[in-house]
Amino acid sequence: MEVTNNMSFADNLKQLRKEHHLSQEELAEILDVSRQAVSK
């Protein structure tokens, strides 16, 4: 994965989630936060 300076944190997170085949809900479970916290 190549991170560019013009990508926002949200864009980076979404790209990483997709590369690891994780839904927002799955990532939220791993991080022990709500799905809404991941989606913001």
PDB file of N, CA and C in Angstrom:
ATOM      1  N   MET A   1       0.834  -1.187   0.000  1.00  0.00           N
ATOM      2  CA  MET A   1       0.000   0.000   0.000  1.00  0.00           C
ATOM      3  C   MET A   1       0.873   1.242   0.000  1.00  0.00           C
ATOM      4  N   GLU A   2       0.545   2.157  -0.863  1.00  0.00           N
ATOM      5  CA  GLU A   2       1.287   3.411  -0.917  1.00  0.00           C
ATOM      6  C   GLU A   2       0.425   4.514  -0.315  1.00  0.00           C
ATOM      7  N   VAL A   3       0.954   5.180   0.689  1.00  0.00           N
ATOM      8  CA  VAL A   3       0.231   6.272   1.347  1.00  0.00           C
ATOM      9  C   VAL A   3       0.713   7.580   0.751  1.00  0.00           C
ATOM     10  N   THR A   4      -0.220   8.376   0.276  1.00  0.00           N
ATOM     11  CA  THR A   4       0.150   9.677  -0.265  1.00  0.00           C
ATOM     12  C   THR A   4      -0.257  10.760   0.712  1.00  0.00           C
ATOM     13  N   ASN A   5       0.422  11.877   0.638  1.00  0.00           N
ATOM     14  CA  ASN A   5       0.156  12.964   1.572  1.00  0.00           C
ATOM     15  C   ASN A   5      -1.228  13.569   1.409  1.00  0.00           C
ATOM     16  N   ASN A   6      -1.822  13.453   0.226  1.00  0.00           N
ATOM     17  CA  ASN A   6      -3.121  14.073   0.019  1.00  0.00           C
ATOM     18  C   ASN A   6      -4.289  13.172   0.420  1.00  0.00           C
ATOM     19  N   MET A   7      -3.989  11.973   0.903  1.00  0.00           N
ATOM     20  CA  MET A   7      -5.056  11.088   1.380  1.00  0.00           C
ATOM     21  C   MET A   7      -5.372  11.421   2.835  1.00  0.00           C
ATOM     22  N   SER A   8      -6.638  11.494   3.136  1.00  0.00           N
ATOM     23  CA  SER A   8      -7.035  11.756   4.518  1.00  0.00           C
ATOM     24  C   SER A   8      -6.906  10.476   5.341  1.00  0.00           C
ATOM     25  N   PHE A   9      -6.953  10.635   6.634  1.00  0.00           N
ATOM     26  CA  PHE A   9      -6.915   9.468   7.519  1.00  0.00           C
ATOM     27  C   PHE A   9      -8.059   8.517   7.177  1.00  0.00           C
ATOM     28  N   ALA A  10      -9.238   9.073   6.931  1.00  0.00           N
ATOM     29  CA  ALA A  10     -10.403   8.243   6.604  1.00  0.00           C
ATOM     30  C   ALA A  10     -10.160   7.447   5.330  1.00  0.00           C
ATOM     31  N   ASP A  11      -9.559   8.089   4.326  1.00  0.00           N
ATOM     32  CA  ASP A  11      -9.261   7.388   3.076  1.00  0.00           C
ATOM     33  C   ASP A  11      -8.249   6.272   3.301  1.00  0.00           C
ATOM     34  N   ASN A  12      -7.214   6.560   4.092  1.00  0.00           N
ATOM     35  CA  ASN A  12      -6.207   5.547   4.405  1.00  0.00           C
ATOM     36  C   ASN A  12      -6.832   4.374   5.136  1.00  0.00           C
ATOM     37  N   LEU A  13      -7.671   4.669   6.112  1.00  0.00           N
ATOM     38  CA  LEU A  13      -8.321   3.618   6.897  1.00  0.00           C
ATOM     39  C   LEU A  13      -9.205   2.758   6.008  1.00  0.00           C
ATOM     40  N   LYS A  14      -9.967   3.389   5.141  1.00  0.00           N
ATOM     41  CA  LYS A  14     -10.851   2.644   4.248  1.00  0.00           C
ATOM     42  C   LYS A  14     -10.036   1.728   3.326  1.00  0.00           C
ATOM     43  N   GLN A  15      -8.951   2.240   2.787  1.00  0.00           N
ATOM     44  CA  GLN A  15      -8.100   1.440   1.902  1.00  0.00           C
ATOM     45  C   GLN A  15      -7.520   0.245   2.653  1.00  0.00           C
ATOM     46  N   LEU A  16      -7.031   0.487   3.871  1.00  0.00           N
ATOM     47  CA  LEU A  16      -6.468  -0.611   4.663  1.00  0.00           C
ATOM     48  C   LEU A  16      -7.529  -1.650   5.018  1.00  0.00           C
ATOM     49  N   ARG A  17      -8.728  -1.172   5.368  1.00  0.00           N
ATOM     50  CA  ARG A  17      -9.826  -2.103   5.668  1.00  0.00           C
ATOM     51  C   ARG A  17     -10.107  -3.003   4.484  1.00  0.00           C
ATOM     52  N   LYS A  18     -10.180  -2.400   3.299  1.00  0.00           N
ATOM     53  CA  LYS A  18     -10.482  -3.178   2.091  1.00  0.00           C
ATOM     54  C   LYS A  18      -9.363  -4.158   1.764  1.00  0.00           C
ATOM     55  N   GLU A  19      -8.114  -3.734   1.941  1.00  0.00           N
ATOM     56  CA  GLU A  19      -6.983  -4.634   1.677  1.00  0.00           C
ATOM     57  C   GLU A  19      -7.001  -5.840   2.600  1.00  0.00           C
ATOM     58  N   HIS A  20      -7.517  -5.652   3.813  1.00  0.00           N
ATOM     59  CA  HIS A  20      -7.560  -6.746   4.791  1.00  0.00           C
ATOM     60  C   HIS A  20      -8.941  -7.393   4.864  1.00  0.00           C
ATOM     61  N   HIS A  21      -9.811  -7.011   3.930  1.00  0.00           N
ATOM     62  CA  HIS A  21     -11.155  -7.594   3.823  1.00  0.00           C
ATOM     63  C   HIS A  21     -11.927  -7.494   5.139  1.00  0.00           C
ATOM     64  N   LEU A  22     -11.907  -6.299   5.735  1.00  0.00           N
ATOM     65  CA  LEU A  22     -12.617  -6.062   6.987  1.00  0.00           C
ATOM     66  C   LEU A  22     -13.749  -5.062   6.775  1.00  0.00           C
ATOM     67  N   SER A  23     -14.893  -5.367   7.337  1.00  0.00           N
ATOM     68  CA  SER A  23     -15.987  -4.400   7.336  1.00  0.00           C
ATOM     69  C   SER A  23     -15.747  -3.402   8.463  1.00  0.00           C
ATOM     70  N   GLN A  24     -16.509  -2.315   8.442  1.00  0.00           N
ATOM     71  CA  GLN A  24     -16.410  -1.352   9.542  1.00  0.00           C
ATOM     72  C   GLN A  24     -16.741  -2.030  10.862  1.00  0.00           C
ATOM     73  N   GLU A  25     -17.724  -2.887  10.836  1.00  0.00           N
ATOM     74  CA  GLU A  25     -18.133  -3.586  12.055  1.00  0.00           C
ATOM     75  C   GLU A  25     -17.030  -4.509  12.571  1.00  0.00           C
ATOM     76  N   GLU A  26     -16.373  -5.226  11.665  1.00  0.00           N
ATOM     77  CA  GLU A  26     -15.291  -6.125  12.073  1.00  0.00           C
ATOM     78  C   GLU A  26     -14.115  -5.342  12.650  1.00  0.00           C
ATOM     79  N   LEU A  27     -13.764  -4.230  12.011  1.00  0.00           N
ATOM     80  CA  LEU A  27     -12.675  -3.407  12.523  1.00  0.00           C
ATOM     81  C   LEU A  27     -13.038  -2.829  13.888  1.00  0.00           C
ATOM     82  N   ALA A  28     -14.269  -2.397  14.044  1.00  0.00           N
ATOM     83  CA  ALA A  28     -14.721  -1.848  15.321  1.00  0.00           C
ATOM     84  C   ALA A  28     -14.588  -2.889  16.432  1.00  0.00           C
ATOM     85  N   GLU A  29     -14.941  -4.133  16.128  1.00  0.00           N
ATOM     86  CA  GLU A  29     -14.801  -5.202  17.122  1.00  0.00           C
ATOM     87  C   GLU A  29     -13.345  -5.395  17.522  1.00  0.00           C
ATOM     88  N   ILE A  30     -12.457  -5.397  16.538  1.00  0.00           N
ATOM     89  CA  ILE A  30     -11.025  -5.573  16.802  1.00  0.00           C
ATOM     90  C   ILE A  30     -10.510  -4.445  17.691  1.00  0.00           C
ATOM     91  N   LEU A  31     -10.962  -3.211  17.404  1.00  0.00           N
ATOM     92  CA  LEU A  31     -10.492  -2.031  18.140  1.00  0.00           C
ATOM     93  C   LEU A  31     -11.273  -1.784  19.430  1.00  0.00           C
ATOM     94  N   ASP A  32     -12.329  -2.575  19.639  1.00  0.00           N
ATOM     95  CA  ASP A  32     -13.201  -2.437  20.814  1.00  0.00           C
ATOM     96  C   ASP A  32     -13.828  -1.045  20.884  1.00  0.00           C
ATOM     97  N   VAL A  33     -14.353  -0.615  19.723  1.00  0.00           N
ATOM     98  CA  VAL A  33     -15.096   0.641  19.640  1.00  0.00           C
ATOM     99  C   VAL A  33     -16.389   0.354  18.884  1.00  0.00           C
ATOM    100  N   SER A  34     -17.273   1.342  18.839  1.00  0.00           N
ATOM    101  CA  SER A  34     -18.530   1.160  18.104  1.00  0.00           C
ATOM    102  C   SER A  34     -18.282   1.269  16.613  1.00  0.00           C
ATOM    103  N   ARG A  35     -19.190   0.691  15.819  1.00  0.00           N
ATOM    104  CA  ARG A  35     -19.084   0.810  14.369  1.00  0.00           C
ATOM    105  C   ARG A  35     -19.175   2.276  13.959  1.00  0.00           C
ATOM    106  N   GLN A  36     -19.992   3.038  14.695  1.00  0.00           N
ATOM    107  CA  GLN A  36     -20.148   4.452  14.375  1.00  0.00           C
ATOM    108  C   GLN A  36     -18.823   5.204  14.551  1.00  0.00           C
ATOM    109  N   ALA A  37     -18.020   4.794  15.527  1.00  0.00           N
ATOM    110  CA  ALA A  37     -16.722   5.441  15.739  1.00  0.00           C
ATOM    111  C   ALA A  37     -15.801   5.193  14.549  1.00  0.00           C
ATOM    112  N   VAL A  38     -15.901   4.015  13.946  1.00  0.00           N
ATOM    113  CA  VAL A  38     -15.071   3.689  12.785  1.00  0.00           C
ATOM    114  C   VAL A  38     -15.544   4.456  11.560  1.00  0.00           C
ATOM    115  N   SER A  39     -16.835   4.676  11.455  1.00  0.00           N
ATOM    116  CA  SER A  39     -17.395   5.299  10.236  1.00  0.00           C
ATOM    117  C   SER A  39     -17.191   6.803  10.194  1.00  0.00           C
ATOM    118  N   LYS A  40     -16.770   7.426  11.294  1.00  0.00           N
ATOM    119  CA  LYS A  40     -16.616   8.888  11.325  1.00  0.00           C
ATOM    120  C   LYS A  40     -15.309   9.343  10.759  1.00  0.00           C
TER     121      LYS A  40
END
